[in-house]
Amino acid sequence: MDFSQAFNLLMFQTVSYCYNVGVYDKAKVATFVELKQITKEQYKELTGDDYVEASQTTPQN
């Protein structure tokens, strides 16, 4: 396992714990996807929802 894989696993475990105990909500978990610290697939595994990029949810003027 290389460093990036180990880092991803550690971040996923940390975010999972915080989400499961109620410290993080789905929006906070999504920020970790945006920061590329967890994957879109991990977001879905954790929340049960597909990850939607923030630019797709922002209203256009």
C-alpha atoms as a PDB file:
ATOM      1  CA  MET A   1       0.000   0.000   0.000  1.00  0.00           C
ATOM      2  CA  ASP A   2       1.484   3.333  -0.996  1.00  0.00           C
ATOM      3  CA  PHE A   3       1.167   6.601   0.920  1.00  0.00           C
ATOM      4  CA  SER A   4      -1.815   7.950  -1.042  1.00  0.00           C
ATOM      5  CA  GLN A   5      -3.789   4.730  -0.512  1.00  0.00           C
ATOM      6  CA  ALA A   6      -2.970   4.733   3.198  1.00  0.00           C
ATOM      7  CA  PHE A   7      -3.932   8.406   3.495  1.00  0.00           C
ATOM      8  CA  ASN A   8      -7.228   7.785   1.680  1.00  0.00           C
ATOM      9  CA  LEU A   9      -8.059   4.858   3.948  1.00  0.00           C
ATOM     10  CA  LEU A  10      -7.254   6.871   7.067  1.00  0.00           C
ATOM     11  CA  MET A  11      -9.361   9.819   5.867  1.00  0.00           C
ATOM     12  CA  PHE A  12     -12.276   7.558   4.971  1.00  0.00           C
ATOM     13  CA  GLN A  13     -12.177   5.905   8.390  1.00  0.00           C
ATOM     14  CA  THR A  14     -12.008   9.291  10.124  1.00  0.00           C
ATOM     15  CA  VAL A  15     -14.807  10.850   8.058  1.00  0.00           C
ATOM     16  CA  SER A  16     -16.920   7.700   8.467  1.00  0.00           C
ATOM     17  CA  TYR A  17     -16.591   7.828  12.226  1.00  0.00           C
ATOM     18  CA  CYS A  18     -17.448  11.537  12.397  1.00  0.00           C
ATOM     19  CA  TYR A  19     -20.455  11.059  10.097  1.00  0.00           C
ATOM     20  CA  ASN A  20     -21.744   8.049  12.006  1.00  0.00           C
ATOM     21  CA  VAL A  21     -21.599   9.805  15.388  1.00  0.00           C
ATOM     22  CA  GLY A  22     -23.268  12.935  13.977  1.00  0.00           C
ATOM     23  CA  VAL A  23     -20.327  15.333  13.974  1.00  0.00           C
ATOM     24  CA  TYR A  24     -20.383  15.612  10.153  1.00  0.00           C
ATOM     25  CA  ASP A  25     -23.424  15.934   7.905  1.00  0.00           C
ATOM     26  CA  LYS A  26     -23.581  15.053   4.202  1.00  0.00           C
ATOM     27  CA  ALA A  27     -22.473  18.555   3.188  1.00  0.00           C
ATOM     28  CA  LYS A  28     -19.348  18.276   5.318  1.00  0.00           C
ATOM     29  CA  VAL A  29     -18.592  14.818   3.946  1.00  0.00           C
ATOM     30  CA  ALA A  30     -18.934  16.276   0.428  1.00  0.00           C
ATOM     31  CA  THR A  31     -16.169  18.779   1.208  1.00  0.00           C
ATOM     32  CA  PHE A  32     -13.777  15.867   1.663  1.00  0.00           C
ATOM     33  CA  VAL A  33     -14.661  14.680  -1.856  1.00  0.00           C
ATOM     34  CA  GLU A  34     -14.053  18.199  -3.198  1.00  0.00           C
ATOM     35  CA  LEU A  35     -10.662  18.215  -1.453  1.00  0.00           C
ATOM     36  CA  LYS A  36      -9.936  14.792  -3.004  1.00  0.00           C
ATOM     37  CA  GLN A  37      -9.421  13.231   0.412  1.00  0.00           C
ATOM     38  CA  ILE A  38     -12.148  10.626  -0.138  1.00  0.00           C
ATOM     39  CA  THR A  39     -13.634   9.376  -3.410  1.00  0.00           C
ATOM     40  CA  LYS A  40     -17.121   9.824  -4.847  1.00  0.00           C
ATOM     41  CA  GLU A  41     -17.604   6.083  -4.388  1.00  0.00           C
ATOM     42  CA  GLN A  42     -16.677   6.327  -0.718  1.00  0.00           C
ATOM     43  CA  TYR A  43     -19.156   9.203  -0.321  1.00  0.00           C
ATOM     44  CA  LYS A  44     -21.912   6.965  -1.702  1.00  0.00           C
ATOM     45  CA  GLU A  45     -20.833   4.046   0.474  1.00  0.00           C
ATOM     46  CA  LEU A  46     -20.972   6.236   3.551  1.00  0.00           C
ATOM     47  CA  THR A  47     -24.094   8.350   2.916  1.00  0.00           C
ATOM     48  CA  GLY A  48     -26.085   6.117   0.577  1.00  0.00           C
ATOM     49  CA  ASP A  49     -26.456   9.006  -1.870  1.00  0.00           C
ATOM     50  CA  ASP A  50     -24.655   9.723  -5.137  1.00  0.00           C
ATOM     51  CA  TYR A  51     -22.144  12.563  -4.855  1.00  0.00           C
ATOM     52  CA  VAL A  52     -23.320  15.692  -6.686  1.00  0.00           C
ATOM     53  CA  GLU A  53     -20.721  18.331  -7.443  1.00  0.00           C
ATOM     54  CA  ALA A  54     -21.321  21.682  -5.767  1.00  0.00           C
ATOM     55  CA  SER A  55     -21.405  23.487  -9.121  1.00  0.00           C
ATOM     56  CA  GLN A  56     -24.413  21.341 -10.105  1.00  0.00           C
ATOM     57  CA  THR A  57     -26.382  22.354  -7.019  1.00  0.00           C
ATOM     58  CA  THR A  58     -25.688  26.100  -7.113  1.00  0.00           C
ATOM     59  CA  PRO A  59     -28.504  28.146  -8.704  1.00  0.00           C
ATOM     60  CA  GLN A  60     -27.506  29.977 -11.853  1.00  0.00           C
ATOM     61  CA  ASN A  61     -28.299  33.698 -12.264  1.00  0.00           C
END
